[in-house]
């Protein structure tokens, strides 16, 4: 999962949210240099990635994007799930996306000294471009993929990938909903974190 989905699954604790945000940038025993609650957030990040990579919904969507991005299709699937989550945000949370993202930025700036150097490097640019909120627009998601291409070896056609998502939007929305529902259950069970997820009640009532 990408930034927005990870943060969404973090609950309300600020240190858990911070740990989840920096999870990809904390390696090995470095985790033990952080306070216990931040460690919990880092481990939460790792658990979300582990369960996502095994989930059938994610694998189905990754296959749809292989023509555009080849071996990077999994990374792009994560980004495109953030695109759908941002567009469908009101179905997942009672809190407006703009307020959610602004609060997050403020919280990270307050704890800037706790962030790994790489995160300190890109956070100001993330805030300036309002990256998390911009995921809900076509131009925002294309820009995000282009930024990734400029800073990694990721290669592909973001516009083609976006067209694939639009052509299969209902399928991807359904798969994202199932994945987030299952991840929420995992987060509640293993980490005692309860994200605000209106759709989970609907999901459970349908299943029941």
N, C-alpha and C. Protein backbone atom coordinates (compact mmCIF):
# COMPACT_ATOMS: atom_id res chain seq x y z
N UNK A 1 0.84 -1.19 0.00
CA UNK A 1 0.00 0.00 0.00
C UNK A 1 0.88 1.25 0.00
N UNK A 2 0.32 2.34 -0.52
CA UNK A 2 1.07 3.59 -0.61
C UNK A 2 0.75 4.49 0.60
N UNK A 3 1.27 5.72 0.61
CA UNK A 3 1.20 6.59 1.77
C UNK A 3 -0.20 6.75 2.35
N UNK A 4 -1.18 7.10 1.51
CA UNK A 4 -2.49 7.45 2.04
C UNK A 4 -3.17 6.26 2.71
N UNK A 5 -3.09 5.10 2.08
CA UNK A 5 -3.71 3.92 2.67
C UNK A 5 -3.04 3.54 3.98
N UNK A 6 -1.71 3.63 4.03
CA UNK A 6 -1.00 3.34 5.28
C UNK A 6 -1.46 4.27 6.40
N UNK A 7 -1.55 5.55 6.10
CA UNK A 7 -1.95 6.50 7.12
C UNK A 7 -3.38 6.27 7.56
N UNK A 8 -4.22 5.92 6.61
CA UNK A 8 -5.62 5.65 6.91
C UNK A 8 -5.78 4.51 7.91
N UNK A 9 -4.89 3.52 7.79
CA UNK A 9 -4.97 2.34 8.65
C UNK A 9 -4.23 2.52 9.97
N UNK A 10 -3.71 3.72 10.23
CA UNK A 10 -2.88 3.94 11.42
C UNK A 10 -3.67 4.28 12.67
N UNK A 11 -4.95 4.61 12.53
CA UNK A 11 -5.71 5.05 13.70
C UNK A 11 -5.37 6.48 14.07
N UNK A 12 -5.65 6.86 15.32
CA UNK A 12 -5.53 8.25 15.75
C UNK A 12 -4.25 8.56 16.51
N UNK A 13 -3.50 7.55 16.92
CA UNK A 13 -2.28 7.80 17.69
C UNK A 13 -1.21 8.42 16.78
N UNK A 14 -0.70 9.57 17.17
CA UNK A 14 0.23 10.31 16.30
C UNK A 14 1.55 9.56 16.12
N UNK A 15 2.06 8.95 17.17
CA UNK A 15 3.34 8.25 17.06
C UNK A 15 3.21 6.98 16.23
N UNK A 16 2.09 6.28 16.34
CA UNK A 16 1.86 5.12 15.47
C UNK A 16 1.78 5.58 14.02
N UNK A 17 1.10 6.69 13.80
CA UNK A 17 0.99 7.26 12.45
C UNK A 17 2.37 7.62 11.90
N UNK A 18 3.21 8.22 12.73
CA UNK A 18 4.56 8.58 12.30
C UNK A 18 5.35 7.32 11.95
N UNK A 19 5.29 6.31 12.80
CA UNK A 19 6.01 5.07 12.54
C UNK A 19 5.58 4.41 11.24
N UNK A 20 4.29 4.42 11.00
CA UNK A 20 3.77 3.84 9.75
C UNK A 20 4.26 4.64 8.55
N UNK A 21 4.31 5.96 8.70
CA UNK A 21 4.76 6.84 7.62
C UNK A 21 6.22 6.59 7.25
N UNK A 22 7.07 6.35 8.22
CA UNK A 22 8.50 6.20 7.96
C UNK A 22 8.92 4.74 7.79
N UNK A 23 7.97 3.83 7.79
CA UNK A 23 8.29 2.40 7.83
C UNK A 23 9.25 1.93 6.77
N UNK A 24 9.15 2.46 5.55
CA UNK A 24 10.03 2.02 4.47
C UNK A 24 11.45 2.54 4.62
N UNK A 25 11.66 3.49 5.52
CA UNK A 25 12.96 4.17 5.63
C UNK A 25 13.70 3.81 6.92
N UNK A 26 13.19 2.82 7.62
CA UNK A 26 13.82 2.34 8.85
C UNK A 26 14.23 0.89 8.62
N UNK A 27 15.52 0.63 8.64
CA UNK A 27 16.03 -0.68 8.31
C UNK A 27 16.67 -1.35 9.53
N UNK A 28 16.52 -2.67 9.59
CA UNK A 28 17.20 -3.48 10.58
C UNK A 28 16.99 -3.03 12.01
N UNK A 29 18.09 -3.00 12.77
CA UNK A 29 18.03 -2.69 14.20
C UNK A 29 17.80 -1.21 14.48
N UNK A 30 17.79 -0.39 13.42
CA UNK A 30 17.52 1.04 13.61
C UNK A 30 16.18 1.27 14.29
N UNK A 31 15.26 0.32 14.11
CA UNK A 31 13.93 0.46 14.70
C UNK A 31 14.01 0.66 16.21
N UNK A 32 15.00 0.07 16.85
CA UNK A 32 15.07 0.11 18.31
C UNK A 32 15.56 1.46 18.85
N UNK A 33 15.94 2.35 17.96
CA UNK A 33 16.33 3.70 18.40
C UNK A 33 15.11 4.61 18.57
N UNK A 34 13.93 4.11 18.20
CA UNK A 34 12.70 4.89 18.30
C UNK A 34 11.90 4.50 19.54
N UNK A 35 11.07 5.41 20.04
CA UNK A 35 10.18 5.07 21.16
C UNK A 35 9.25 3.90 20.79
N UNK A 36 8.76 3.20 21.81
CA UNK A 36 7.99 1.98 21.61
C UNK A 36 6.77 2.18 20.71
N UNK A 37 6.08 3.30 20.87
CA UNK A 37 4.87 3.51 20.08
C UNK A 37 5.20 3.73 18.62
N UNK A 38 6.32 4.40 18.33
CA UNK A 38 6.75 4.56 16.95
C UNK A 38 7.19 3.21 16.37
N UNK A 39 7.85 2.40 17.19
CA UNK A 39 8.20 1.04 16.76
C UNK A 39 6.95 0.27 16.36
N UNK A 40 5.89 0.44 17.13
CA UNK A 40 4.63 -0.23 16.81
C UNK A 40 4.12 0.21 15.44
N UNK A 41 4.24 1.50 15.13
CA UNK A 41 3.82 2.01 13.83
C UNK A 41 4.67 1.46 12.70
N UNK A 42 5.98 1.32 12.93
CA UNK A 42 6.87 0.74 11.91
C UNK A 42 6.49 -0.71 11.66
N UNK A 43 6.25 -1.45 12.73
CA UNK A 43 5.84 -2.85 12.57
C UNK A 43 4.47 -2.96 11.91
N UNK A 44 3.59 -2.01 12.20
CA UNK A 44 2.30 -1.97 11.52
C UNK A 44 2.50 -1.80 10.02
N UNK A 45 3.38 -0.90 9.63
CA UNK A 45 3.67 -0.68 8.21
C UNK A 45 4.12 -1.98 7.55
N UNK A 46 5.01 -2.68 8.20
CA UNK A 46 5.54 -3.92 7.65
C UNK A 46 4.46 -4.99 7.54
N UNK A 47 3.59 -5.05 8.53
CA UNK A 47 2.51 -6.03 8.50
C UNK A 47 1.52 -5.73 7.37
N UNK A 48 1.20 -4.46 7.17
CA UNK A 48 0.30 -4.08 6.08
C UNK A 48 0.89 -4.48 4.74
N UNK A 49 2.18 -4.20 4.54
CA UNK A 49 2.84 -4.58 3.28
C UNK A 49 2.85 -6.09 3.10
N UNK A 50 3.14 -6.82 4.18
CA UNK A 50 3.20 -8.28 4.10
C UNK A 50 1.85 -8.87 3.69
N UNK A 51 0.78 -8.44 4.32
CA UNK A 51 -0.54 -8.97 4.03
C UNK A 51 -1.04 -8.51 2.66
N UNK A 52 -0.68 -7.29 2.27
CA UNK A 52 -1.08 -6.79 0.95
C UNK A 52 -0.46 -7.62 -0.16
N UNK A 53 0.83 -7.90 -0.04
CA UNK A 53 1.54 -8.64 -1.09
C UNK A 53 0.99 -10.04 -1.30
N UNK A 54 0.34 -10.60 -0.27
CA UNK A 54 -0.23 -11.95 -0.38
C UNK A 54 -1.69 -11.94 -0.79
N UNK A 55 -2.33 -10.77 -0.80
CA UNK A 55 -3.77 -10.69 -0.97
C UNK A 55 -4.17 -10.84 -2.44
N UNK A 56 -5.19 -11.64 -2.69
CA UNK A 56 -5.61 -11.91 -4.07
C UNK A 56 -6.11 -10.66 -4.79
N UNK A 57 -6.75 -9.75 -4.06
CA UNK A 57 -7.26 -8.53 -4.69
C UNK A 57 -6.12 -7.69 -5.25
N UNK A 58 -5.05 -7.55 -4.48
CA UNK A 58 -3.89 -6.78 -4.93
C UNK A 58 -3.23 -7.46 -6.13
N UNK A 59 -3.12 -8.77 -6.09
CA UNK A 59 -2.48 -9.50 -7.19
C UNK A 59 -3.27 -9.36 -8.49
N UNK A 60 -4.59 -9.39 -8.41
CA UNK A 60 -5.43 -9.23 -9.60
C UNK A 60 -5.21 -7.86 -10.23
N UNK A 61 -5.17 -6.83 -9.41
CA UNK A 61 -4.98 -5.47 -9.92
C UNK A 61 -3.57 -5.27 -10.45
N UNK A 62 -2.60 -5.89 -9.82
CA UNK A 62 -1.22 -5.79 -10.32
C UNK A 62 -1.11 -6.35 -11.73
N UNK A 63 -1.80 -7.44 -12.01
CA UNK A 63 -1.74 -8.03 -13.35
C UNK A 63 -2.27 -7.06 -14.41
N UNK A 64 -3.28 -6.28 -14.06
CA UNK A 64 -3.85 -5.32 -15.01
C UNK A 64 -2.83 -4.24 -15.40
N UNK A 65 -1.89 -3.95 -14.52
CA UNK A 65 -0.94 -2.87 -14.76
C UNK A 65 0.42 -3.35 -15.26
N UNK A 66 0.56 -4.63 -15.48
CA UNK A 66 1.86 -5.16 -15.91
C UNK A 66 2.24 -4.67 -17.30
N UNK A 67 1.27 -4.50 -18.18
CA UNK A 67 1.60 -4.04 -19.53
C UNK A 67 2.21 -2.64 -19.49
N UNK A 68 1.75 -1.80 -18.56
CA UNK A 68 2.25 -0.43 -18.47
C UNK A 68 3.57 -0.34 -17.72
N UNK A 69 3.76 -1.21 -16.69
CA UNK A 69 4.91 -1.03 -15.81
C UNK A 69 5.72 -2.28 -15.54
N UNK A 70 5.39 -3.40 -16.14
CA UNK A 70 6.21 -4.59 -15.99
C UNK A 70 6.44 -4.97 -14.55
N UNK A 71 7.72 -5.12 -14.18
CA UNK A 71 8.06 -5.57 -12.82
C UNK A 71 7.73 -4.53 -11.76
N UNK A 72 7.45 -3.30 -12.18
CA UNK A 72 7.07 -2.25 -11.25
C UNK A 72 5.55 -2.16 -11.06
N UNK A 73 4.83 -3.10 -11.63
CA UNK A 73 3.36 -3.03 -11.58
C UNK A 73 2.82 -3.04 -10.15
N UNK A 74 3.50 -3.75 -9.25
CA UNK A 74 3.04 -3.78 -7.87
C UNK A 74 3.14 -2.43 -7.19
N UNK A 75 4.24 -1.72 -7.42
CA UNK A 75 4.41 -0.39 -6.86
C UNK A 75 3.33 0.55 -7.40
N UNK A 76 3.07 0.47 -8.70
CA UNK A 76 2.08 1.35 -9.31
C UNK A 76 0.67 0.99 -8.84
N UNK A 77 0.42 -0.29 -8.59
CA UNK A 77 -0.88 -0.69 -8.03
C UNK A 77 -1.12 0.00 -6.69
N UNK A 78 -0.09 0.05 -5.85
CA UNK A 78 -0.21 0.74 -4.56
C UNK A 78 -0.59 2.20 -4.75
N UNK A 79 0.07 2.86 -5.71
CA UNK A 79 -0.21 4.28 -5.96
C UNK A 79 -1.63 4.46 -6.49
N UNK A 80 -2.04 3.59 -7.40
CA UNK A 80 -3.37 3.70 -7.97
C UNK A 80 -4.46 3.39 -6.95
N UNK A 81 -4.16 2.54 -5.98
CA UNK A 81 -5.11 2.32 -4.89
C UNK A 81 -5.29 3.60 -4.07
N UNK A 82 -4.21 4.38 -3.90
CA UNK A 82 -4.34 5.67 -3.22
C UNK A 82 -5.21 6.62 -4.04
N UNK A 83 -5.07 6.56 -5.35
CA UNK A 83 -5.91 7.37 -6.25
C UNK A 83 -7.38 7.07 -6.02
N UNK A 84 -7.72 5.79 -5.97
CA UNK A 84 -9.12 5.40 -5.77
C UNK A 84 -9.56 5.72 -4.35
N UNK A 85 -8.72 5.45 -3.36
CA UNK A 85 -9.06 5.76 -1.97
C UNK A 85 -9.34 7.25 -1.81
N UNK A 86 -8.51 8.10 -2.42
CA UNK A 86 -8.71 9.55 -2.31
C UNK A 86 -10.01 9.97 -2.98
N UNK A 87 -10.31 9.41 -4.13
CA UNK A 87 -11.54 9.77 -4.84
C UNK A 87 -12.78 9.27 -4.09
N UNK A 88 -12.65 8.15 -3.38
CA UNK A 88 -13.78 7.53 -2.69
C UNK A 88 -13.75 7.81 -1.19
N UNK A 89 -12.96 8.77 -0.77
CA UNK A 89 -12.67 8.97 0.65
C UNK A 89 -13.92 9.06 1.53
N UNK A 90 -14.94 9.74 1.04
CA UNK A 90 -16.14 9.94 1.87
C UNK A 90 -16.84 8.61 2.17
N UNK A 91 -16.55 7.58 1.40
CA UNK A 91 -17.13 6.26 1.67
C UNK A 91 -16.33 5.49 2.73
N UNK A 92 -15.17 6.03 3.10
CA UNK A 92 -14.30 5.33 4.04
C UNK A 92 -14.12 6.07 5.36
N UNK A 93 -14.35 7.35 5.37
CA UNK A 93 -14.11 8.12 6.59
C UNK A 93 -15.11 9.26 6.71
N UNK A 94 -15.49 9.57 7.93
CA UNK A 94 -16.36 10.71 8.18
C UNK A 94 -15.60 12.02 8.18
N UNK A 95 -14.29 11.95 8.15
CA UNK A 95 -13.47 13.17 8.17
C UNK A 95 -13.07 13.55 6.76
N UNK A 96 -13.24 14.80 6.34
CA UNK A 96 -12.86 15.22 5.00
C UNK A 96 -11.38 14.97 4.73
N UNK A 97 -11.05 14.58 3.52
CA UNK A 97 -9.67 14.26 3.16
C UNK A 97 -8.75 15.46 3.36
N UNK A 98 -9.21 16.65 2.99
CA UNK A 98 -8.35 17.83 3.12
C UNK A 98 -7.95 18.06 4.57
N UNK A 99 -8.89 17.92 5.49
CA UNK A 99 -8.58 18.09 6.90
C UNK A 99 -7.66 16.99 7.42
N UNK A 100 -7.88 15.77 6.95
CA UNK A 100 -7.05 14.64 7.35
C UNK A 100 -5.60 14.87 6.94
N UNK A 101 -5.39 15.30 5.70
CA UNK A 101 -4.03 15.49 5.21
C UNK A 101 -3.36 16.68 5.89
N UNK A 102 -4.09 17.76 6.09
CA UNK A 102 -3.50 18.93 6.74
C UNK A 102 -3.06 18.60 8.17
N UNK A 103 -3.89 17.87 8.89
CA UNK A 103 -3.54 17.46 10.25
C UNK A 103 -2.29 16.60 10.25
N UNK A 104 -2.21 15.68 9.31
CA UNK A 104 -1.04 14.81 9.23
C UNK A 104 0.23 15.63 8.98
N UNK A 105 0.20 16.54 8.02
CA UNK A 105 1.37 17.36 7.74
C UNK A 105 1.83 18.12 8.99
N UNK A 106 0.87 18.73 9.68
CA UNK A 106 1.19 19.50 10.89
C UNK A 106 1.83 18.60 11.94
N UNK A 107 1.29 17.40 12.12
CA UNK A 107 1.82 16.47 13.11
C UNK A 107 3.25 16.07 12.78
N UNK A 108 3.55 15.84 11.51
CA UNK A 108 4.90 15.44 11.12
C UNK A 108 5.88 16.59 11.26
N UNK A 109 5.46 17.81 10.97
CA UNK A 109 6.34 18.96 11.16
C UNK A 109 6.67 19.16 12.63
N UNK A 110 5.71 18.90 13.49
CA UNK A 110 5.95 19.03 14.93
C UNK A 110 6.99 18.01 15.41
N UNK A 111 7.11 16.90 14.71
CA UNK A 111 8.01 15.82 15.11
C UNK A 111 9.10 15.60 14.05
N UNK A 112 9.44 16.68 13.38
CA UNK A 112 10.40 16.63 12.27
C UNK A 112 11.72 16.00 12.70
N UNK A 113 12.14 16.25 13.94
CA UNK A 113 13.43 15.74 14.43
C UNK A 113 13.44 14.22 14.55
N UNK A 114 12.27 13.60 14.57
CA UNK A 114 12.19 12.15 14.69
C UNK A 114 12.22 11.44 13.34
N UNK A 115 12.10 12.18 12.26
CA UNK A 115 12.02 11.58 10.94
C UNK A 115 13.40 11.18 10.44
N UNK A 116 13.51 10.06 9.70
CA UNK A 116 14.78 9.71 9.07
C UNK A 116 15.19 10.78 8.05
N UNK A 117 16.49 10.92 7.78
CA UNK A 117 16.97 11.96 6.87
C UNK A 117 16.26 12.00 5.52
N UNK A 118 16.00 10.84 4.92
CA UNK A 118 15.34 10.83 3.61
C UNK A 118 13.93 11.39 3.69
N UNK A 119 13.24 11.11 4.78
CA UNK A 119 11.87 11.62 4.94
C UNK A 119 11.90 13.11 5.19
N UNK A 120 12.87 13.58 5.97
CA UNK A 120 13.03 15.02 6.18
C UNK A 120 13.26 15.73 4.84
N UNK A 121 13.94 15.03 3.93
CA UNK A 121 14.25 15.62 2.64
C UNK A 121 13.04 15.83 1.76
N UNK A 122 12.09 14.86 1.79
CA UNK A 122 10.96 15.00 0.86
C UNK A 122 9.68 15.55 1.50
N UNK A 123 9.61 15.56 2.83
CA UNK A 123 8.38 16.03 3.47
C UNK A 123 8.01 17.46 3.06
N UNK A 124 8.94 18.42 3.03
CA UNK A 124 8.54 19.78 2.62
C UNK A 124 7.94 19.83 1.22
N UNK A 125 8.46 19.02 0.31
CA UNK A 125 7.92 18.98 -1.05
C UNK A 125 6.54 18.32 -1.07
N UNK A 126 6.37 17.29 -0.24
CA UNK A 126 5.07 16.64 -0.13
C UNK A 126 4.02 17.63 0.37
N UNK A 127 4.40 18.44 1.36
CA UNK A 127 3.46 19.42 1.91
C UNK A 127 3.18 20.53 0.90
N UNK A 128 4.25 21.04 0.26
CA UNK A 128 4.09 22.14 -0.69
C UNK A 128 3.15 21.77 -1.84
N UNK A 129 3.25 20.53 -2.31
CA UNK A 129 2.41 20.09 -3.42
C UNK A 129 1.10 19.47 -2.94
N UNK A 130 0.94 19.37 -1.61
CA UNK A 130 -0.22 18.70 -1.02
C UNK A 130 -0.43 17.34 -1.68
N UNK A 131 0.66 16.58 -1.70
CA UNK A 131 0.70 15.33 -2.45
C UNK A 131 -0.46 14.39 -2.10
N UNK A 132 -0.71 14.20 -0.80
CA UNK A 132 -1.72 13.22 -0.41
C UNK A 132 -3.10 13.60 -0.91
N UNK A 133 -3.44 14.88 -0.83
CA UNK A 133 -4.74 15.31 -1.32
C UNK A 133 -4.78 15.27 -2.85
N UNK A 134 -3.65 15.53 -3.49
CA UNK A 134 -3.61 15.57 -4.96
C UNK A 134 -3.82 14.19 -5.59
N UNK A 135 -3.69 13.14 -4.79
CA UNK A 135 -3.90 11.79 -5.33
C UNK A 135 -5.29 11.61 -5.92
N UNK A 136 -6.24 12.44 -5.52
CA UNK A 136 -7.61 12.26 -6.01
C UNK A 136 -7.80 12.78 -7.43
N UNK A 137 -6.82 13.46 -7.99
CA UNK A 137 -6.93 14.01 -9.35
C UNK A 137 -6.04 13.24 -10.32
N UNK A 138 -6.42 13.25 -11.60
CA UNK A 138 -5.61 12.58 -12.62
C UNK A 138 -4.22 13.20 -12.69
N UNK A 139 -4.16 14.53 -12.70
CA UNK A 139 -2.87 15.21 -12.80
C UNK A 139 -2.00 14.92 -11.58
N UNK A 140 -2.62 14.83 -10.41
CA UNK A 140 -1.87 14.56 -9.19
C UNK A 140 -1.25 13.19 -9.19
N UNK A 141 -1.98 12.20 -9.65
CA UNK A 141 -1.45 10.84 -9.63
C UNK A 141 -0.38 10.66 -10.70
N UNK A 142 -0.55 11.30 -11.85
CA UNK A 142 0.49 11.24 -12.89
C UNK A 142 1.76 11.92 -12.39
N UNK A 143 1.61 13.06 -11.72
CA UNK A 143 2.77 13.75 -11.17
C UNK A 143 3.48 12.88 -10.14
N UNK A 144 2.72 12.19 -9.31
CA UNK A 144 3.33 11.32 -8.30
C UNK A 144 4.15 10.21 -8.95
N UNK A 145 3.64 9.62 -10.01
CA UNK A 145 4.36 8.56 -10.71
C UNK A 145 5.60 9.12 -11.40
N UNK A 146 5.49 10.31 -11.94
CA UNK A 146 6.65 10.93 -12.58
C UNK A 146 7.74 11.25 -11.57
N UNK A 147 7.34 11.69 -10.38
CA UNK A 147 8.32 11.96 -9.32
C UNK A 147 9.03 10.67 -8.93
N UNK A 148 8.29 9.59 -8.83
CA UNK A 148 8.90 8.30 -8.51
C UNK A 148 9.88 7.88 -9.59
N UNK A 149 9.55 8.13 -10.84
CA UNK A 149 10.44 7.79 -11.96
C UNK A 149 11.73 8.60 -11.90
N UNK A 150 11.63 9.84 -11.45
CA UNK A 150 12.81 10.71 -11.39
C UNK A 150 13.76 10.33 -10.27
N UNK A 151 13.25 9.65 -9.23
CA UNK A 151 14.08 9.36 -8.07
C UNK A 151 14.35 7.87 -7.87
N UNK A 152 13.81 7.03 -8.75
CA UNK A 152 14.07 5.59 -8.68
C UNK A 152 14.28 5.08 -10.10
N UNK A 153 14.44 3.77 -10.23
CA UNK A 153 14.58 3.18 -11.56
C UNK A 153 13.23 2.78 -12.15
N UNK A 154 12.15 3.21 -11.51
CA UNK A 154 10.80 2.91 -12.02
C UNK A 154 10.64 3.50 -13.42
N UNK A 155 10.20 2.66 -14.35
CA UNK A 155 9.99 3.08 -15.72
C UNK A 155 8.63 2.60 -16.20
N UNK A 156 7.92 3.44 -16.95
CA UNK A 156 6.63 3.05 -17.48
C UNK A 156 5.87 4.25 -17.97
N UNK A 157 4.64 4.02 -18.34
CA UNK A 157 3.79 5.06 -18.92
C UNK A 157 2.66 5.38 -17.95
N UNK A 158 2.76 6.49 -17.19
CA UNK A 158 1.72 6.79 -16.20
C UNK A 158 0.35 7.05 -16.81
N UNK A 159 0.30 7.66 -17.98
CA UNK A 159 -0.99 7.93 -18.60
C UNK A 159 -1.67 6.64 -19.05
N UNK A 160 -0.88 5.70 -19.56
CA UNK A 160 -1.45 4.41 -19.94
C UNK A 160 -1.97 3.68 -18.70
N UNK A 161 -1.19 3.73 -17.62
CA UNK A 161 -1.62 3.08 -16.38
C UNK A 161 -2.92 3.70 -15.86
N UNK A 162 -3.01 5.02 -15.93
CA UNK A 162 -4.23 5.69 -15.48
C UNK A 162 -5.43 5.30 -16.34
N UNK A 163 -5.22 5.15 -17.63
CA UNK A 163 -6.30 4.71 -18.51
C UNK A 163 -6.76 3.31 -18.17
N UNK A 164 -5.81 2.44 -17.82
CA UNK A 164 -6.17 1.08 -17.40
C UNK A 164 -7.05 1.14 -16.15
N UNK A 165 -6.69 1.98 -15.21
CA UNK A 165 -7.46 2.12 -13.98
C UNK A 165 -8.86 2.64 -14.29
N UNK A 166 -8.95 3.64 -15.15
CA UNK A 166 -10.26 4.20 -15.49
C UNK A 166 -11.13 3.17 -16.21
N UNK A 167 -10.53 2.40 -17.10
CA UNK A 167 -11.28 1.38 -17.85
C UNK A 167 -11.76 0.25 -16.94
N UNK A 168 -11.07 0.04 -15.82
CA UNK A 168 -11.40 -1.06 -14.90
C UNK A 168 -11.74 -0.52 -13.51
N UNK A 169 -12.28 0.69 -13.46
CA UNK A 169 -12.43 1.38 -12.18
C UNK A 169 -13.31 0.61 -11.19
N UNK A 170 -14.43 0.09 -11.65
CA UNK A 170 -15.33 -0.60 -10.72
C UNK A 170 -14.68 -1.85 -10.15
N UNK A 171 -13.93 -2.56 -10.98
CA UNK A 171 -13.23 -3.75 -10.51
C UNK A 171 -12.18 -3.37 -9.46
N UNK A 172 -11.38 -2.35 -9.76
CA UNK A 172 -10.34 -1.95 -8.83
C UNK A 172 -10.93 -1.39 -7.53
N UNK A 173 -12.02 -0.66 -7.64
CA UNK A 173 -12.67 -0.15 -6.44
C UNK A 173 -13.16 -1.30 -5.56
N UNK A 174 -13.74 -2.30 -6.19
CA UNK A 174 -14.21 -3.47 -5.43
C UNK A 174 -13.04 -4.19 -4.76
N UNK A 175 -11.93 -4.35 -5.48
CA UNK A 175 -10.78 -5.06 -4.93
C UNK A 175 -10.13 -4.25 -3.80
N UNK A 176 -10.06 -2.94 -3.96
CA UNK A 176 -9.52 -2.11 -2.90
C UNK A 176 -10.39 -2.20 -1.65
N UNK A 177 -11.69 -2.18 -1.82
CA UNK A 177 -12.60 -2.28 -0.69
C UNK A 177 -12.39 -3.58 0.08
N UNK A 178 -12.25 -4.68 -0.67
CA UNK A 178 -12.03 -5.98 -0.02
C UNK A 178 -10.69 -6.00 0.70
N UNK A 179 -9.65 -5.47 0.06
CA UNK A 179 -8.34 -5.44 0.67
C UNK A 179 -8.34 -4.60 1.94
N UNK A 180 -8.91 -3.40 1.89
CA UNK A 180 -8.94 -2.55 3.08
C UNK A 180 -9.78 -3.17 4.19
N UNK A 181 -10.85 -3.84 3.82
CA UNK A 181 -11.68 -4.51 4.82
C UNK A 181 -10.87 -5.58 5.56
N UNK A 182 -10.14 -6.39 4.80
CA UNK A 182 -9.34 -7.45 5.41
C UNK A 182 -8.17 -6.88 6.21
N UNK A 183 -7.55 -5.82 5.70
CA UNK A 183 -6.46 -5.20 6.44
C UNK A 183 -6.95 -4.58 7.74
N UNK A 184 -8.14 -4.01 7.73
CA UNK A 184 -8.69 -3.43 8.94
C UNK A 184 -8.90 -4.48 10.02
N UNK A 185 -9.38 -5.63 9.62
CA UNK A 185 -9.56 -6.74 10.56
C UNK A 185 -8.22 -7.15 11.14
N UNK A 186 -7.19 -7.23 10.28
CA UNK A 186 -5.84 -7.59 10.74
C UNK A 186 -5.30 -6.54 11.71
N UNK A 187 -5.47 -5.27 11.37
CA UNK A 187 -4.96 -4.18 12.21
C UNK A 187 -5.64 -4.19 13.58
N UNK A 188 -6.93 -4.41 13.58
CA UNK A 188 -7.66 -4.47 14.86
C UNK A 188 -7.21 -5.66 15.69
N UNK A 189 -7.04 -6.81 15.05
CA UNK A 189 -6.71 -8.04 15.77
C UNK A 189 -5.26 -8.04 16.28
N UNK A 190 -4.32 -7.64 15.43
CA UNK A 190 -2.91 -7.78 15.76
C UNK A 190 -2.32 -6.54 16.43
N UNK A 191 -2.92 -5.36 16.21
CA UNK A 191 -2.35 -4.13 16.74
C UNK A 191 -3.31 -3.34 17.62
N UNK A 192 -4.53 -3.83 17.76
CA UNK A 192 -5.55 -3.15 18.57
C UNK A 192 -5.75 -1.70 18.12
N UNK A 193 -5.73 -1.50 16.82
CA UNK A 193 -5.96 -0.19 16.22
C UNK A 193 -7.28 -0.24 15.48
N UNK A 194 -8.11 0.78 15.65
CA UNK A 194 -9.41 0.82 15.02
C UNK A 194 -9.53 2.05 14.12
N UNK A 195 -9.19 1.89 12.84
CA UNK A 195 -9.41 3.00 11.91
C UNK A 195 -10.90 3.30 11.80
N UNK A 196 -11.23 4.54 11.48
CA UNK A 196 -12.62 4.91 11.27
C UNK A 196 -13.03 4.49 9.88
N UNK A 197 -13.79 3.39 9.79
CA UNK A 197 -14.12 2.84 8.48
C UNK A 197 -15.61 2.54 8.40
N UNK A 198 -16.36 3.46 7.87
CA UNK A 198 -17.80 3.24 7.74
C UNK A 198 -18.11 2.03 6.87
N UNK A 199 -17.31 1.84 5.82
CA UNK A 199 -17.62 0.79 4.86
C UNK A 199 -17.49 -0.60 5.46
N UNK A 200 -16.71 -0.75 6.55
CA UNK A 200 -16.51 -2.08 7.11
C UNK A 200 -17.82 -2.63 7.67
N UNK A 201 -18.64 -1.75 8.24
CA UNK A 201 -19.94 -2.21 8.76
C UNK A 201 -20.82 -2.71 7.63
N UNK A 202 -20.80 -1.99 6.53
CA UNK A 202 -21.57 -2.42 5.36
C UNK A 202 -21.05 -3.75 4.85
N UNK A 203 -19.71 -3.87 4.79
CA UNK A 203 -19.10 -5.10 4.30
C UNK A 203 -19.51 -6.28 5.16
N UNK A 204 -19.44 -6.09 6.49
CA UNK A 204 -19.74 -7.20 7.39
C UNK A 204 -21.23 -7.57 7.32
N UNK A 205 -22.09 -6.59 7.16
CA UNK A 205 -23.51 -6.89 7.11
C UNK A 205 -23.84 -7.67 5.85
N UNK A 206 -23.17 -7.35 4.76
CA UNK A 206 -23.39 -8.09 3.51
C UNK A 206 -22.90 -9.52 3.65
N UNK A 207 -21.69 -9.66 4.26
CA UNK A 207 -21.13 -11.00 4.43
C UNK A 207 -21.97 -11.82 5.40
N UNK A 208 -22.52 -11.14 6.42
CA UNK A 208 -23.27 -11.86 7.44
C UNK A 208 -24.63 -12.26 6.93
